[in-house]
Protein backbone atom coordinates (compact mmCIF):
# COMPACT_ATOMS: atom_id res chain seq x y z
CA MET A 1 -11.93 -17.19 -12.29
CA SER A 2 -10.29 -15.25 -9.45
CA ILE A 3 -12.90 -12.50 -9.73
CA ALA A 4 -15.70 -15.08 -9.69
CA GLY A 5 -14.21 -16.69 -6.57
CA PHE A 6 -14.00 -13.34 -4.78
CA VAL A 7 -17.56 -12.30 -5.67
CA MET A 8 -19.03 -15.68 -4.71
CA PHE A 9 -17.23 -15.70 -1.37
CA ALA A 10 -18.12 -12.07 -0.61
CA THR A 11 -21.77 -12.64 -1.50
CA PHE A 12 -22.13 -15.76 0.65
CA ALA A 13 -20.31 -14.01 3.52
CA SER A 14 -22.73 -11.08 3.33
CA MET A 15 -25.96 -13.02 3.57
CA PRO A 16 -27.81 -12.76 6.90
CA GLY A 17 -26.77 -15.62 9.17
CA SER A 18 -23.80 -16.67 7.06
CA PRO A 19 -21.68 -19.28 8.87
CA PHE A 20 -18.65 -17.13 7.98
CA GLN A 21 -19.81 -14.39 10.38
CA PRO A 22 -19.05 -14.26 14.10
CA VAL A 23 -21.43 -12.52 16.51
CA LEU A 24 -22.10 -9.05 15.09
CA PRO A 25 -23.28 -5.83 16.79
CA SER A 26 -26.66 -4.49 15.68
CA ARG A 27 -25.04 -1.67 13.70
CA GLY A 28 -22.54 -4.05 12.10
CA GLN A 29 -24.97 -6.27 10.23
CA PRO A 30 -24.36 -7.04 6.52
CA ALA A 31 -25.24 -4.25 4.10
CA GLY A 32 -24.19 -2.93 0.70
CA PRO A 33 -23.96 -4.47 -2.78
CA PHE A 34 -22.90 -7.96 -1.71
CA ARG A 35 -25.83 -8.15 0.73
CA TRP A 36 -28.11 -7.00 -2.09
CA LEU A 37 -26.72 -9.71 -4.36
CA ALA A 38 -27.23 -12.34 -1.65
CA ASP A 39 -30.84 -11.21 -1.23
CA THR A 40 -31.39 -11.21 -5.00
CA LEU A 41 -30.12 -14.80 -5.22
CA HIS A 42 -32.31 -15.77 -2.24
CA LEU A 43 -29.37 -17.29 -0.40
CA ASP A 44 -31.34 -16.88 2.81
CA ALA A 45 -33.43 -19.86 1.64
CA LEU A 46 -30.45 -22.11 2.36
CA SER A 47 -30.39 -23.76 5.76
CA GLY A 48 -28.91 -26.69 7.65
CA ASN A 49 -26.63 -29.02 5.74
CA TRP A 50 -27.26 -27.27 2.42
CA LEU A 51 -26.08 -23.96 3.85
CA ILE A 52 -22.85 -25.50 5.14
CA ALA A 53 -22.28 -27.49 1.93
CA VAL A 54 -22.56 -24.35 -0.19
CA GLY A 55 -20.18 -22.53 2.16
CA VAL A 56 -17.59 -25.30 1.91
CA ALA A 57 -17.90 -25.40 -1.89
CA ILE A 58 -17.48 -21.63 -2.17
CA SER A 59 -14.43 -21.70 0.13
CA ALA A 60 -12.89 -24.44 -2.00
CA PHE A 61 -13.59 -22.55 -5.21
CA ALA A 62 -12.08 -19.32 -3.83
CA VAL A 63 -8.91 -21.12 -2.75
CA LEU A 64 -8.60 -23.02 -6.03
CA SER A 65 -9.13 -19.89 -8.15
CA PHE A 66 -6.43 -18.10 -6.15
CA LEU A 67 -3.94 -20.95 -6.57
CA LEU A 68 -4.54 -20.99 -10.33
CA LEU A 69 -3.99 -17.21 -10.51
CA LEU A 70 -0.85 -17.60 -8.39
CA ARG A 71 0.51 -20.24 -10.78
CA GLU A 72 -0.13 -17.99 -13.77
CA ALA A 73 1.60 -15.09 -12.02
CA PHE A 74 4.59 -17.27 -11.10
CA HIS A 75 5.08 -18.16 -14.76
CA GLU A 76 4.77 -14.45 -15.70
CA ARG A 77 1.51 -14.92 -17.59
CA VAL A 78 -0.09 -12.11 -15.56
CA SER A 79 1.20 -8.55 -15.87
CA PRO A 80 2.35 -6.76 -12.68
CA ARG A 81 -0.11 -3.93 -13.38
CA THR A 82 -3.06 -6.34 -13.64
CA ALA A 83 -1.98 -8.13 -10.48
CA PHE A 84 -1.70 -4.88 -8.54
CA VAL A 85 -5.00 -3.36 -9.72
CA LEU A 86 -6.91 -6.59 -9.07
CA SER A 87 -5.40 -6.97 -5.59
CA ALA A 88 -6.08 -3.35 -4.66
CA ILE A 89 -9.72 -3.66 -5.75
CA TYR A 90 -10.14 -6.81 -3.67
CA LEU A 91 -8.69 -5.12 -0.58
CA LEU A 92 -10.88 -2.04 -0.96
CA ALA A 93 -13.97 -4.21 -1.52
CA ILE A 94 -13.45 -5.85 1.88
CA ALA A 95 -14.85 -2.65 3.41
CA LEU A 96 -18.23 -3.67 1.95
CA LEU A 97 -18.29 -6.95 3.91
CA PRO A 98 -19.29 -7.58 7.53
CA LEU A 99 -16.82 -8.80 10.13
CA LEU A 100 -15.78 -12.38 9.28
CA PHE A 101 -14.43 -15.50 10.98
CA SER A 102 -13.04 -14.14 14.25
CA ARG A 103 -13.94 -12.32 17.44
CA ASP A 104 -10.36 -11.18 18.07
CA VAL A 105 -11.24 -7.60 17.16
CA TYR A 106 -13.54 -7.49 20.20
CA SER A 107 -10.62 -8.53 22.41
CA TYR A 108 -8.48 -5.75 20.90
CA ALA A 109 -11.26 -3.30 21.67
CA PHE A 110 -11.84 -4.57 25.20
CA TYR A 111 -8.16 -4.38 26.15
CA GLY A 112 -8.17 -0.87 24.70
CA ARG A 113 -11.11 0.05 26.90
CA ILE A 114 -9.40 -1.37 29.98
CA ALA A 115 -6.39 0.87 29.26
CA GLY A 116 -8.05 3.93 27.72
CA VAL A 117 -11.44 4.13 29.43
CA TYR A 118 -11.01 2.34 32.76
CA HIS A 119 -7.35 3.46 33.15
CA ALA A 120 -6.24 0.01 34.30
CA ASN A 121 -3.42 -2.25 33.13
CA PRO A 122 -4.76 -4.82 30.60
CA TYR A 123 -1.73 -7.05 31.21
CA VAL A 124 -3.02 -7.60 34.75
CA ARG A 125 -6.78 -7.01 34.54
CA THR A 126 -9.13 -9.05 32.34
CA PRO A 127 -12.45 -8.42 30.56
CA LEU A 128 -14.15 -10.55 33.24
CA GLU A 129 -13.53 -7.75 35.75
CA PHE A 130 -15.43 -5.27 33.55
CA SER A 131 -18.38 -7.44 32.59
CA GLY A 132 -20.76 -4.48 32.61
CA ASP A 133 -19.12 -3.09 29.48
CA ALA A 134 -21.13 -3.14 26.24
CA LEU A 135 -18.37 -5.20 24.58
CA TRP A 136 -18.63 -8.00 27.11
CA VAL A 137 -21.17 -10.07 25.14
CA PHE A 138 -18.96 -10.05 22.03
CA VAL A 139 -15.63 -11.26 23.48
CA GLY A 140 -14.82 -14.90 22.73
CA PRO A 141 -15.46 -17.22 25.72
CA LYS A 142 -11.84 -18.41 25.67
CA TRP A 143 -10.53 -14.88 26.21
CA VAL A 144 -12.90 -13.33 28.78
CA ASP A 145 -10.62 -14.14 31.72
CA THR A 146 -7.32 -13.68 29.85
CA PRO A 147 -5.13 -10.56 30.19
CA ALA A 148 -3.79 -8.88 27.06
CA VAL A 149 -1.44 -10.96 24.90
CA TYR A 150 -0.62 -8.25 22.34
CA GLY A 151 2.31 -5.85 22.33
CA PRO A 152 2.26 -2.53 24.20
CA LEU A 153 2.24 -0.46 21.00
CA TRP A 154 -0.96 -2.22 19.89
CA THR A 155 -2.44 -1.69 23.36
CA MET A 156 -1.73 2.04 23.06
CA ILE A 157 -3.40 2.14 19.64
CA SER A 158 -6.36 0.23 21.07
CA ALA A 159 -6.63 2.69 23.95
CA VAL A 160 -6.84 5.61 21.51
CA ILE A 161 -9.53 3.82 19.47
CA ALA A 162 -11.49 3.13 22.68
CA ARG A 163 -11.50 6.84 23.54
CA VAL A 164 -12.57 7.91 20.04
CA PHE A 165 -15.19 5.22 19.30
CA SER A 166 -17.66 4.28 22.00
CA SER A 167 -19.90 1.77 20.18
CA PRO A 168 -18.85 -1.82 19.38
CA ALA A 169 -19.66 -1.27 15.68
CA GLY A 170 -17.52 1.89 15.58
CA GLN A 171 -14.58 0.11 17.14
CA VAL A 172 -14.87 -2.84 14.73
CA ALA A 173 -14.94 -0.39 11.81
CA ALA A 174 -11.79 1.34 13.14
CA TYR A 175 -9.79 -1.90 13.37
CA ARG A 176 -10.93 -3.01 9.94
CA ALA A 177 -9.91 0.36 8.51
CA ILE A 178 -6.44 -0.11 10.01
CA ALA A 179 -6.27 -3.62 8.52
CA ILE A 180 -7.31 -2.42 5.05
CA GLY A 181 -4.91 0.53 5.18
CA ALA A 182 -2.01 -1.66 6.36
CA ALA A 183 -2.75 -4.25 3.64
CA LEU A 184 -2.81 -1.61 0.89
CA ALA A 185 0.42 -0.08 2.17
CA THR A 186 2.02 -3.54 2.27
CA LEU A 187 0.92 -4.14 -1.31
CA LEU A 188 2.60 -0.89 -2.40
CA VAL A 189 5.83 -1.73 -0.58
CA ILE A 190 5.91 -5.25 -2.03
CA ALA A 191 5.37 -3.96 -5.56
CA ASP A 192 8.14 -1.37 -5.27
CA THR A 193 10.65 -3.71 -3.59
CA VAL A 194 10.23 -6.64 -5.97
CA ARG A 195 10.57 -4.26 -8.93
CA ARG A 196 14.02 -3.35 -7.61
CA VAL A 197 15.16 -6.81 -6.53
CA TRP A 198 13.52 -9.33 -8.86
CA PRO A 199 11.24 -7.84 -11.56
CA GLY A 200 10.35 -11.26 -12.92
CA ARG A 201 8.59 -12.09 -9.65
CA ALA A 202 6.58 -8.82 -9.54
CA ALA A 203 3.13 -10.21 -10.42
CA PHE A 204 3.66 -13.31 -8.28
CA ALA A 205 4.69 -11.27 -5.23
CA VAL A 206 1.66 -8.99 -5.49
CA VAL A 207 -0.86 -11.79 -6.10
CA ALA A 208 0.63 -13.90 -3.28
CA PHE A 209 -0.41 -11.24 -0.79
CA GLY A 210 -3.16 -9.11 -2.28
CA ALA A 211 -5.37 -11.77 -3.91
CA ASN A 212 -4.93 -14.41 -1.24
CA PRO A 213 -8.23 -15.53 0.41
CA VAL A 214 -6.51 -16.07 3.76
CA VAL A 215 -5.39 -12.42 3.66
CA LEU A 216 -8.62 -10.98 2.28
CA PHE A 217 -11.28 -12.89 4.19
CA HIS A 218 -9.53 -14.35 7.24
CA SER A 219 -7.23 -11.43 8.05
CA VAL A 220 -8.39 -8.11 6.57
CA ALA A 221 -12.14 -8.75 6.90
CA SER A 222 -11.51 -9.79 10.52
CA GLY A 223 -9.56 -6.60 11.30
CA HIS A 224 -6.51 -8.50 12.53
CA ASN A 225 -3.36 -6.72 13.65
CA ASP A 226 -1.35 -9.29 11.68
CA LEU A 227 -1.68 -6.93 8.72
CA VAL A 228 0.35 -4.37 10.68
CA VAL A 229 2.94 -7.10 11.30
CA ALA A 230 3.03 -7.85 7.56
CA LEU A 231 3.54 -4.16 6.81
CA ALA A 232 6.48 -4.04 9.24
CA VAL A 233 8.04 -7.10 7.55
CA ALA A 234 7.66 -5.66 4.04
CA THR A 235 8.91 -2.21 5.07
CA ALA A 236 11.94 -3.53 6.96
CA PHE A 237 13.13 -5.54 3.98
CA ALA A 238 12.52 -2.58 1.65
CA LEU A 239 14.76 -0.49 3.90
CA LEU A 240 17.45 -3.18 3.97
CA VAL A 241 17.47 -3.30 0.17
CA ARG A 242 18.19 0.43 0.23
CA GLY A 243 20.99 -0.02 2.78
CA ARG A 244 19.06 1.67 5.62
CA GLU A 245 19.82 -0.77 8.38
CA LEU A 246 18.93 1.14 11.54
CA PRO A 247 15.52 2.27 10.21
CA ALA A 248 14.85 -1.39 9.32
CA VAL A 249 15.70 -2.38 12.90
CA ALA A 250 13.40 0.35 14.21
CA VAL A 251 10.51 -0.84 12.02
CA LEU A 252 10.91 -4.45 13.16
CA ALA A 253 11.12 -3.31 16.79
CA LEU A 254 7.84 -1.42 16.37
CA GLY A 255 6.30 -4.47 14.70
CA ALA A 256 7.41 -6.65 17.63
CA LEU A 257 5.56 -4.23 19.90
CA VAL A 258 2.38 -5.15 18.03
CA LYS A 259 3.10 -8.90 18.07
CA ALA A 260 6.18 -10.48 19.62
CA THR A 261 6.42 -12.69 16.52
CA LEU A 262 8.83 -10.19 14.98
CA LEU A 263 11.44 -10.55 17.73
CA ILE A 264 13.02 -13.44 15.81
CA PRO A 265 13.26 -11.54 12.47
CA LEU A 266 14.67 -8.61 14.46
CA ILE A 267 17.43 -10.81 15.85
CA LEU A 268 18.21 -12.19 12.39
CA VAL A 269 18.54 -8.68 10.95
CA VAL A 270 20.91 -7.70 13.77
CA VAL A 271 22.97 -10.83 12.98
CA TRP A 272 23.06 -9.73 9.32
CA ILE A 273 24.14 -6.19 10.23
CA VAL A 274 26.96 -7.44 12.46
CA ALA A 275 28.20 -10.33 10.29
CA ARG A 276 28.54 -8.30 7.10
CA ARG A 277 31.25 -6.14 8.74
CA PRO A 278 34.90 -7.16 9.08
CA PRO A 279 35.60 -8.94 12.41
CA GLY A 280 37.25 -5.91 13.98
CA GLU A 281 34.37 -3.55 13.13
CA ARG A 282 31.35 -5.49 14.37
CA LEU A 283 30.89 -4.27 17.93
CA ARG A 284 29.74 -0.74 17.18
CA PRO A 285 27.04 -1.55 14.58
CA GLY A 286 25.81 -4.40 16.78
CA LEU A 287 25.49 -2.09 19.79
CA LYS A 288 23.77 0.58 17.72
CA ALA A 289 21.23 -1.85 16.28
CA GLY A 290 20.57 -3.50 19.64
CA GLY A 291 20.38 -0.10 21.32
CA VAL A 292 17.80 1.22 18.86
CA ALA A 293 15.61 -1.84 19.40
CA ALA A 294 15.98 -1.70 23.19
CA VAL A 295 15.17 2.02 23.45
CA ILE A 296 12.06 1.65 21.27
CA GLY A 297 10.94 -1.39 23.25
CA LEU A 298 11.36 0.25 26.64
CA ALA A 299 9.68 3.47 25.52
CA PHE A 300 6.42 1.66 24.74
CA ALA A 301 6.60 -1.07 27.38
CA LEU A 302 7.37 1.18 30.36
CA PRO A 303 3.77 2.32 31.06
CA TYR A 304 2.62 -1.29 31.39
CA LEU A 305 5.54 -2.94 33.22
CA GLN A 306 4.67 -4.55 36.55
CA PRO A 307 5.89 -7.52 38.62
CA THR A 308 2.76 -9.67 38.06
CA ASP A 309 3.57 -10.30 34.40
CA PRO A 310 6.79 -8.59 33.32
CA SER A 311 6.60 -10.45 29.99
CA LEU A 312 3.53 -8.37 29.02
CA GLY A 313 1.38 -11.27 27.93
CA MET A 314 4.02 -13.62 26.51
CA LEU A 315 3.85 -16.03 29.46
CA GLU A 316 0.08 -16.05 29.16
CA LEU A 317 0.21 -16.69 25.42
CA ALA A 318 2.58 -19.62 25.93
CA LYS A 319 -0.20 -21.42 27.81
CA HIS A 320 -2.53 -21.45 24.80
CA GLU A 321 -2.71 -24.21 22.23
CA GLY A 322 -4.41 -24.11 18.81
CA TRP A 323 -6.48 -26.98 17.46
CA LEU A 324 -4.94 -26.61 13.96
CA ALA A 325 -1.28 -26.57 15.03
CA PRO A 326 0.83 -29.59 13.94
CA ALA A 327 2.24 -29.70 17.48
CA THR A 328 -1.28 -30.25 18.81
CA LEU A 329 -1.88 -33.12 16.39
CA ALA A 330 1.41 -34.74 17.41
CA ARG A 331 0.48 -34.39 21.09
CA ARG A 332 -2.94 -35.98 20.52
CA VAL A 333 -1.52 -38.89 18.55
CA ILE A 334 1.19 -39.56 21.16
CA ASP A 335 -1.40 -39.32 23.94
CA MET A 336 -3.59 -41.87 22.12
CA ILE A 337 -0.67 -44.28 21.78
CA SER A 338 0.65 -43.75 25.33
CA PHE A 339 -2.77 -43.58 27.04
CA GLY A 340 -2.35 -39.91 27.90
CA THR A 341 1.11 -40.14 29.47
CA LEU A 342 3.62 -38.91 26.88
CA GLY A 343 1.80 -36.22 24.90
CA GLY A 344 3.87 -33.50 26.55
CA LEU A 345 6.92 -34.78 24.69
CA ALA A 346 5.48 -33.40 21.46
CA LYS A 347 5.78 -29.84 22.77
CA LEU A 348 9.42 -30.41 23.67
CA VAL A 349 10.21 -31.97 20.29
CA PHE A 350 8.55 -29.16 18.33
CA ALA A 351 10.17 -26.49 20.51
CA ALA A 352 13.58 -28.11 20.03
CA ALA A 353 13.02 -28.36 16.27
CA LEU A 354 12.06 -24.69 16.09
CA ILE A 355 15.07 -23.57 18.12
CA ALA A 356 17.46 -25.71 16.06
CA ALA A 357 16.00 -24.44 12.79
CA LEU A 358 16.23 -20.80 13.87
CA VAL A 359 19.82 -21.24 15.05
CA ALA A 360 20.69 -22.82 11.70
CA THR A 361 19.00 -19.93 9.91
CA ALA A 362 21.00 -17.39 11.95
CA ARG A 363 24.24 -19.20 11.16
CA MET A 364 23.38 -19.23 7.46
CA VAL A 365 22.64 -15.49 7.61
CA ALA A 366 26.08 -14.92 9.13
CA ARG A 367 27.68 -17.18 6.52
CA GLU A 368 26.01 -15.40 3.60
CA ALA A 369 26.58 -11.90 4.97
CA ALA A 370 30.10 -11.70 3.53
CA GLY A 371 28.63 -11.87 0.02
CA HIS A 372 26.48 -8.79 0.67
CA ARG A 373 23.46 -10.41 -0.96
CA PRO A 374 20.46 -8.17 -0.31
CA ARG A 375 18.05 -11.09 -0.65
CA THR A 376 19.50 -13.00 2.31
CA PRO A 377 17.92 -11.10 5.24
CA GLY A 378 14.53 -11.11 3.49
CA ALA A 379 14.71 -14.84 2.85
CA ALA A 380 15.85 -15.44 6.44
CA ILE A 381 12.89 -13.46 7.80
CA GLY A 382 10.55 -15.44 5.55
CA TRP A 383 12.02 -18.77 6.64
CA SER A 384 11.80 -17.86 10.32
CA LEU A 385 8.16 -16.78 10.11
CA VAL A 386 7.10 -19.91 8.20
CA LEU A 387 8.85 -22.13 10.76
CA LEU A 388 7.50 -20.16 13.72
CA MET A 389 3.98 -20.40 12.32
CA LEU A 390 4.05 -24.16 11.67
CA LEU A 391 6.11 -25.34 14.65
CA GLY A 392 4.50 -23.14 17.30
CA PRO A 393 1.74 -24.34 19.66
CA LEU A 394 -0.85 -21.88 18.32
CA LEU A 395 -1.74 -21.68 14.62
CA LEU A 396 -4.51 -19.53 13.13
CA PRO A 397 -5.24 -18.62 9.48
CA TRP A 398 -4.14 -14.99 9.84
CA TYR A 399 -0.64 -16.09 10.92
CA VAL A 400 0.06 -16.90 7.25
CA THR A 401 0.09 -13.15 6.60
CA TRP A 402 3.38 -12.67 8.44
CA ALA A 403 5.60 -14.28 5.79
CA LEU A 404 3.58 -13.57 2.64
CA PRO A 405 5.30 -10.21 1.86
CA LEU A 406 8.53 -12.19 1.37
CA ALA A 407 7.12 -15.36 -0.22
CA TRP A 408 8.64 -14.41 -3.59
CA LEU A 409 12.15 -14.75 -2.10
CA LEU A 410 11.68 -18.22 -0.65
CA PRO A 411 12.84 -21.45 -2.33
CA GLN A 412 10.32 -24.11 -3.24
CA ALA A 413 9.96 -26.04 0.04
CA PRO A 414 9.14 -23.14 2.40
CA ARG A 415 7.18 -21.39 -0.36
CA VAL A 416 4.95 -24.43 -0.91
CA ALA A 417 4.66 -24.89 2.87
CA LEU A 418 3.47 -21.30 3.19
CA PHE A 419 0.87 -21.41 0.42
CA GLY A 420 -0.17 -24.97 1.19
CA SER A 421 -0.75 -24.05 4.82
CA GLY A 422 -2.69 -20.97 3.81
CA ALA A 423 -4.94 -23.04 1.57
CA ALA A 424 -5.43 -25.71 4.25
CA LEU A 425 -6.24 -23.12 6.91
CA ALA A 426 -8.69 -21.29 4.66
CA MET A 427 -10.42 -24.60 3.94
CA ALA A 428 -10.37 -25.68 7.59
CA GLN A 429 -12.40 -22.77 8.92
CA TRP A 430 -15.79 -22.44 7.28
CA THR A 431 -18.03 -22.06 10.30
CA THR A 432 -17.29 -19.62 13.10
CA GLU A 433 -19.80 -20.01 15.93
CA PRO A 434 -20.13 -23.53 17.44
CA LEU A 435 -23.43 -22.75 19.16
CA ARG A 436 -25.04 -21.63 15.89
CA TYR A 437 -23.99 -24.66 13.83
CA PRO A 438 -22.83 -27.32 16.35
CA THR A 439 -22.85 -30.31 13.98
CA ALA A 440 -21.07 -28.41 11.21
CA PHE A 441 -18.54 -27.07 13.71
CA GLY A 442 -17.82 -30.61 14.87
CA VAL A 443 -17.20 -31.72 11.28
CA ASN A 444 -15.05 -28.62 10.80
CA LEU A 445 -12.92 -29.61 13.80
CA TRP A 446 -12.56 -33.20 12.58
CA LEU A 447 -11.48 -32.16 9.08
CA GLY A 448 -9.07 -29.62 10.53
CA HIS A 449 -7.51 -32.10 12.94
CA TRP A 450 -7.20 -35.10 10.67
CA ILE A 451 -6.84 -33.66 7.14
CA ALA A 452 -5.63 -30.03 7.17
CA THR A 453 -3.19 -30.41 10.07
CA PRO A 454 -1.47 -33.58 8.74
CA VAL A 455 -0.96 -31.78 5.42
CA MET A 456 0.69 -28.88 7.25
CA LEU A 457 2.80 -31.28 9.32
CA ALA A 458 4.09 -32.92 6.14
CA LEU A 459 4.86 -29.49 4.64
CA VAL A 460 6.84 -28.28 7.65
CA VAL A 461 8.83 -31.54 7.77
CA TRP A 462 9.71 -31.02 4.09
CA ALA A 463 10.77 -27.44 4.83
CA LEU A 464 12.92 -28.57 7.76
CA PHE A 465 14.72 -31.19 5.65
CA ASP A 466 15.26 -28.58 2.93
CA LEU A 467 16.75 -26.15 5.46
CA ARG A 468 18.97 -28.91 6.82
CA GLY A 469 20.23 -29.70 3.32
CA ARG A 470 20.93 -26.04 2.62
CA PHE A 471 22.77 -25.63 5.90
CA ARG A 472 24.98 -28.67 5.39
CA GLY A 473 25.52 -28.13 1.67
CA GLY A 474 26.34 -24.44 1.93
CA HIS A 475 23.39 -23.43 -0.23
CA ALA A 476 21.65 -20.06 -0.04
CA LEU A 477 18.53 -19.28 1.98
CA ALA A 478 16.88 -17.43 -0.90
CA ASP A 479 15.50 -18.96 -4.09
CA GLN A 480 18.40 -19.37 -6.52
CA GLU A 481 16.97 -18.94 -9.98
CA ALA A 482 19.50 -17.53 -12.45
CA VAL A 483 18.74 -13.91 -11.70
CA PRO A 484 21.60 -11.51 -10.93
CA GLU A 485 21.69 -10.01 -7.46
CA PRO A 486 21.11 -6.24 -7.46
CA ALA A 487 23.23 -3.77 -5.61
CA ALA A 488 22.29 -3.18 -1.98
CA HIS A 489 22.01 0.58 -2.44
CA ASP A 490 20.20 2.82 -4.90
């Protein structure tokens, strides 16, 4: 059933004019076996409401088939080898699909051209100032006058890609190759780590990431840098399991220089490193860990630092709001009730809830550090990324990828919140370009606002109450099935 779901989705996505495709360059049009299959099935005969209805049905089937496979893997009815081979094939097959669901890759490329071709600072200059560039027509309207919001390491990578690949299609292919490579590497790291820590969860851990539609179609096929973030998360925990703390800090610092999301997991790992030492021996390891992170951060940020935006895009990003975020739903509902006067309170409430939850997580990490449980920092990272994703003001399908490498460590509430949100987000985005399918896009927005987002709001509230109970009851952050904890070192 999982294979059927993948093939159906890939075939529909590869048909000319598929609603799953954003604007594509002329050399990036659908081709290959899935395009041939779409032509053979005469999918191009579909139009209007029938086209959208088939797309929605295929999305639902792909999500359902994944959830059924995930359940089988959780109950150990799928072998780890089968799970790994199937996931690897899916990830490699993404190379045969066109770009899907998002124009973000064009923004990556444009910021890279600002830095690498025009030799300007993309944290100050915007695509609007270089509107004669061939990429201009592909950048999403929301981002044409926005400076870079990605980390300086990613900007450097983008600048190199801009110098090597001149055509829009070549640059898209480069970012998708990075996404596929990072996803395959993440899959390998997950498989090796779970074999050491919790062999019974091996198939589940691999399927959770490698066969997940939100990873395959909404993240990898879109060429998102969130796959690099996921690789940093998986690698850092793998290093912690082996007792290599400073390399783990370095990996998370590098990941935070791709997306600032990983600053919170970085802080939690430093808390773990410090708290697991006796009180009189904590200063030196804390300084070493903080020093490694600071040196790496400054080394990559220095070329782009300036007084206009010393945060390197973080202040800009804080201004943006996503239509699928639970915080946005809460703001809209409060605005409706208060006639547009009190909606801003929702932002404050969600921000306060996130800060309180992260502080509680850090305190639990410190509390559990004395037991030297190697699962604790991984579970803490997973918790923090789930909460950051669902309580933040901006929520997109590819954000689910951040925590998936550690989903196998999480207890039921955050685990269900993670997979439930992934399923809701995958179902809530089935048409990409509003001008191409305006009516369908309007229905898509309505379903996202009033069905998918309330589901995610309920899931994050459940997770918050679960975290509160664990904090007050002295329970562990990680899932506590009766499996012995392994040693922290080989």
